[in-house]
Amino acid sequence: MKNVLSFLLAMTLLPVNAQHTDFTPFPHYNKRLAEFEKEKPINRETIVMLGDSMTEFGFDWNERLKGANIVNRGIMSDTADGVLYRLDKILAGHPKAIFLMIGINDLSHNLTAQQVATMVNRVVRKIRNDAPNTKLYVESCLPINEGFGRWKTLSGRSGQIPEINRQVMEYCKSMDVEFINLYPRFLRHGTDQLRKELTRDGLHLSPAGYKIWGYELRPYIRELMN
């Protein structure tokens, strides 16, 4: 049974359509890469916050997580392929730990939950294979709130987020990678929607949302710093 499960999980890592695997950097992406080059290089004491705008807009994660040597490697509008495109430079520094949150922008590109999970799992696999001594934490995608009506490409897709999280969680379990399920902490009770007070536009977090996120991650940071 275990061999069958491993085979099925491996099959989910087969390439999806080529149109979804080719990545072209965009202006803000290149701007952020240039900013990263000016910062202190990643080393074995560095903790990397890796992801898209959710991570980027957390700004100073040292302050937010009460830690040290935490760098923000979030890029607004980034996808799993975008993370893969820049991952080698991060892994070359052999960071102490990586906290990865990615996938919601992939979902907005008209992919299925399985396709999104497959792409996220590729990132997980590369980190685990190329940096076995780096502690990897994979964070679930957060819910969205469609009531704001702002993000048309995510309209009607709230129900797919739990399935993305489930598939990524199962893959992480098979790879002995820690999965942090933040999703339930952000839900409005009895719905699949992000609590209004935790968002400023239905997708991005308000200060109250970041406060919860920080609170959930601090125990992991304390463990890393001990």
Protein backbone atom coordinates (compact mmCIF):
# COMPACT_ATOMS: atom_id res chain seq x y z
CA MET A 1 0.00 0.00 0.00
CA LYS A 2 2.83 2.38 0.88
CA ASN A 3 4.48 1.76 -2.51
CA VAL A 4 1.22 2.43 -4.30
CA LEU A 5 0.76 5.70 -2.40
CA SER A 6 4.31 6.77 -3.24
CA PHE A 7 3.68 6.00 -6.92
CA LEU A 8 0.46 8.02 -6.98
CA LEU A 9 2.13 10.97 -5.28
CA ALA A 10 4.98 10.82 -7.77
CA MET A 11 2.49 10.83 -10.64
CA THR A 12 1.07 14.12 -9.42
CA LEU A 13 4.50 15.63 -10.12
CA LEU A 14 4.38 14.94 -13.85
CA PRO A 15 4.36 18.12 -15.95
CA VAL A 16 1.05 19.79 -16.65
CA ASN A 17 0.51 21.60 -19.96
CA ALA A 18 3.61 23.42 -21.20
CA GLN A 19 1.78 26.73 -21.07
CA HIS A 20 1.79 26.42 -17.29
CA THR A 21 5.45 25.42 -16.85
CA ASP A 22 7.18 28.24 -18.77
CA PHE A 23 7.87 31.24 -16.56
CA THR A 24 8.58 34.75 -17.80
CA PRO A 25 9.76 37.29 -15.21
CA PHE A 26 7.67 40.45 -14.99
CA PRO A 27 8.77 43.98 -13.97
CA HIS A 28 7.97 43.76 -10.26
CA TYR A 29 9.58 40.31 -10.11
CA ASN A 30 12.81 41.68 -11.59
CA LYS A 31 12.65 44.69 -9.28
CA ARG A 32 12.44 42.43 -6.25
CA LEU A 33 15.30 40.24 -7.48
CA ALA A 34 17.44 43.36 -7.80
CA GLU A 35 16.52 44.33 -4.24
CA PHE A 36 17.46 40.87 -2.96
CA GLU A 37 20.91 41.19 -4.58
CA LYS A 38 21.61 44.29 -2.47
CA GLU A 39 20.80 42.53 0.79
CA LYS A 40 23.10 40.48 2.97
CA PRO A 41 23.59 37.06 1.34
CA ILE A 42 21.58 34.13 2.68
CA ASN A 43 23.67 31.85 4.91
CA ARG A 44 23.25 28.90 7.24
CA GLU A 45 21.68 31.10 9.93
CA THR A 46 19.06 32.62 7.63
CA ILE A 47 15.36 31.91 7.89
CA VAL A 48 13.62 32.59 4.57
CA MET A 49 10.01 33.66 4.21
CA LEU A 50 9.25 32.57 0.65
CA GLY A 51 6.13 33.28 -1.37
CA ASP A 52 4.02 35.88 -3.15
CA SER A 53 2.39 39.17 -2.09
CA MET A 54 1.10 37.63 1.12
CA THR A 55 4.71 37.21 2.21
CA GLU A 56 6.05 40.38 0.60
CA PHE A 57 3.45 42.56 2.33
CA GLY A 58 4.47 41.11 5.69
CA PHE A 59 7.51 43.41 5.27
CA ASP A 60 9.75 43.02 8.36
CA TRP A 61 9.27 39.42 9.43
CA ASN A 62 11.92 39.76 12.15
CA GLU A 63 9.66 42.24 13.88
CA ARG A 64 6.53 40.26 13.14
CA LEU A 65 7.94 36.94 14.36
CA LYS A 66 10.17 38.24 17.14
CA GLY A 67 13.13 36.58 15.50
CA ALA A 68 16.49 37.32 13.92
CA ASN A 69 18.07 36.68 10.52
CA ILE A 70 14.64 36.34 8.87
CA VAL A 71 14.55 37.57 5.27
CA ASN A 72 11.51 38.42 3.17
CA ARG A 73 11.60 36.68 -0.20
CA GLY A 74 8.00 37.34 -1.16
CA ILE A 75 7.18 38.70 -4.61
CA MET A 76 3.77 40.11 -5.43
CA SER A 77 1.95 38.08 -8.14
CA ASP A 78 4.47 35.23 -7.92
CA THR A 79 3.52 31.64 -8.67
CA ALA A 80 5.00 28.22 -7.95
CA ASP A 81 6.92 28.38 -11.23
CA GLY A 82 8.21 31.83 -10.29
CA VAL A 83 9.52 30.44 -7.02
CA LEU A 84 11.20 27.58 -8.87
CA TYR A 85 12.79 30.07 -11.25
CA ARG A 86 14.60 31.84 -8.40
CA LEU A 87 15.01 28.99 -5.95
CA ASP A 88 18.60 28.01 -6.78
CA LYS A 89 19.99 31.32 -5.52
CA ILE A 90 18.16 30.88 -2.22
CA LEU A 91 19.25 27.27 -1.74
CA ALA A 92 22.87 28.09 -2.63
CA GLY A 93 23.14 29.85 0.74
CA HIS A 94 22.05 26.72 2.63
CA PRO A 95 19.48 28.58 4.78
CA LYS A 96 18.57 27.27 8.20
CA ALA A 97 14.87 27.17 7.33
CA ILE A 98 12.33 28.11 4.67
CA PHE A 99 8.68 28.99 5.30
CA LEU A 100 6.88 28.54 1.97
CA MET A 101 3.43 29.86 1.09
CA ILE A 102 2.51 29.77 -2.60
CA GLY A 103 -0.37 28.70 -4.84
CA ILE A 104 -3.17 31.25 -4.70
CA ASN A 105 -1.94 33.07 -7.83
CA ASP A 106 -1.67 29.74 -9.63
CA LEU A 107 -5.33 29.14 -8.83
CA SER A 108 -6.21 32.51 -10.35
CA HIS A 109 -4.61 31.35 -13.63
CA ASN A 110 -7.52 29.00 -14.28
CA LEU A 111 -5.79 25.87 -13.03
CA THR A 112 -7.52 23.03 -11.22
CA ALA A 113 -6.82 22.31 -7.57
CA GLN A 114 -4.81 19.24 -8.60
CA GLN A 115 -2.70 21.25 -11.05
CA VAL A 116 -1.96 23.89 -8.43
CA ALA A 117 -1.05 21.26 -5.83
CA THR A 118 1.21 19.54 -8.37
CA MET A 119 3.09 22.78 -9.00
CA VAL A 120 3.47 23.55 -5.30
CA ASN A 121 4.66 20.01 -4.69
CA ARG A 122 7.40 20.49 -7.29
CA VAL A 123 8.75 23.35 -5.19
CA VAL A 124 8.59 21.18 -2.07
CA ARG A 125 10.42 18.37 -3.81
CA LYS A 126 13.20 20.60 -5.12
CA ILE A 127 13.83 22.16 -1.71
CA ARG A 128 13.84 18.80 -0.01
CA ASN A 129 16.11 17.20 -2.62
CA ASP A 130 18.53 20.10 -3.12
CA ALA A 131 18.70 21.33 0.46
CA PRO A 132 18.16 18.33 2.75
CA ASN A 133 19.67 20.16 5.74
CA THR A 134 17.32 23.13 5.43
CA LYS A 135 14.26 22.83 7.64
CA LEU A 136 11.23 23.28 5.41
CA TYR A 137 7.83 24.46 6.61
CA VAL A 138 5.04 24.50 4.04
CA GLU A 139 2.16 26.80 4.91
CA SER A 140 -1.34 26.22 3.60
CA CYS A 141 -2.98 28.66 1.22
CA LEU A 142 -5.30 31.00 3.09
CA PRO A 143 -9.01 31.42 2.33
CA ILE A 144 -10.25 34.36 0.30
CA ASN A 145 -13.40 36.45 0.68
CA GLU A 146 -15.33 36.68 -2.57
CA GLY A 147 -17.78 39.17 -1.10
CA PHE A 148 -15.39 42.01 -1.93
CA GLY A 149 -15.87 41.25 -5.63
CA ARG A 150 -12.41 42.49 -6.51
CA TRP A 151 -10.52 39.41 -7.69
CA LYS A 152 -12.50 38.22 -10.72
CA THR A 153 -10.01 35.50 -11.65
CA LEU A 154 -10.68 33.86 -8.26
CA SER A 155 -14.46 34.20 -8.47
CA GLY A 156 -16.17 30.94 -7.53
CA ARG A 157 -12.90 29.26 -6.60
CA SER A 158 -12.99 29.46 -2.80
CA GLY A 159 -14.05 25.82 -2.56
CA GLN A 160 -10.91 24.62 -4.34
CA ILE A 161 -8.49 25.99 -1.76
CA PRO A 162 -9.11 23.25 0.83
CA GLU A 163 -8.44 20.62 -1.84
CA ILE A 164 -5.15 22.27 -2.79
CA ASN A 165 -4.18 22.28 0.87
CA ARG A 166 -5.20 18.66 1.33
CA GLN A 167 -3.12 17.45 -1.59
CA VAL A 168 -0.08 19.49 -0.58
CA MET A 169 -0.43 18.30 3.02
CA GLU A 170 -0.48 14.66 1.87
CA TYR A 171 2.60 15.17 -0.26
CA CYS A 172 4.44 16.91 2.58
CA LYS A 173 3.59 13.98 4.83
CA SER A 174 5.08 11.56 2.30
CA MET A 175 8.25 13.68 2.14
CA ASP A 176 8.52 14.11 5.93
CA VAL A 177 8.04 17.87 5.57
CA GLU A 178 6.22 19.96 8.18
CA PHE A 179 2.88 21.32 6.91
CA ILE A 180 1.38 24.27 8.79
CA ASN A 181 -2.36 24.45 8.25
CA LEU A 182 -3.20 28.13 8.73
CA TYR A 183 -6.42 27.92 6.71
CA PRO A 184 -8.88 27.20 9.56
CA ARG A 185 -7.58 30.12 11.66
CA PHE A 186 -8.70 32.61 9.01
CA LEU A 187 -12.15 31.24 8.24
CA ARG A 188 -15.46 32.87 9.05
CA HIS A 189 -17.31 30.27 11.13
CA GLY A 190 -19.51 27.97 9.05
CA THR A 191 -18.20 29.21 5.68
CA ASP A 192 -15.26 28.82 3.33
CA GLN A 193 -14.64 32.58 3.33
CA LEU A 194 -11.84 34.65 4.83
CA ARG A 195 -13.02 36.66 7.82
CA LYS A 196 -13.72 40.26 6.76
CA GLU A 197 -11.75 41.83 9.57
CA LEU A 198 -8.65 39.87 8.53
CA THR A 199 -8.47 41.25 4.98
CA ARG A 200 -8.33 44.60 3.28
CA ASP A 201 -9.55 43.54 -0.15
CA GLY A 202 -10.78 39.94 0.03
CA LEU A 203 -7.34 38.48 -0.61
CA HIS A 204 -4.54 40.40 1.09
CA LEU A 205 -4.38 40.51 4.85
CA SER A 206 -5.16 43.37 7.18
CA PRO A 207 -2.92 44.08 10.20
CA ALA A 208 -5.22 41.81 12.21
CA GLY A 209 -4.64 39.02 9.69
CA TYR A 210 -0.88 39.36 9.87
CA LYS A 211 -1.10 39.36 13.65
CA ILE A 212 -2.74 35.91 13.57
CA TRP A 213 -0.23 34.63 11.01
CA GLY A 214 2.67 35.84 13.14
CA TYR A 215 1.19 34.33 16.27
CA GLU A 216 0.88 30.94 14.55
CA LEU A 217 4.48 30.93 13.30
CA ARG A 218 6.27 32.19 16.40
CA PRO A 219 6.52 28.78 18.10
CA TYR A 220 8.36 27.43 15.05
CA ILE A 221 10.72 30.41 15.07
CA ARG A 222 11.45 29.93 18.78
CA GLU A 223 12.24 26.29 18.13
CA LEU A 224 14.63 27.21 15.32
CA MET A 225 16.43 29.78 17.47
CA ASN A 226 16.96 27.46 20.45
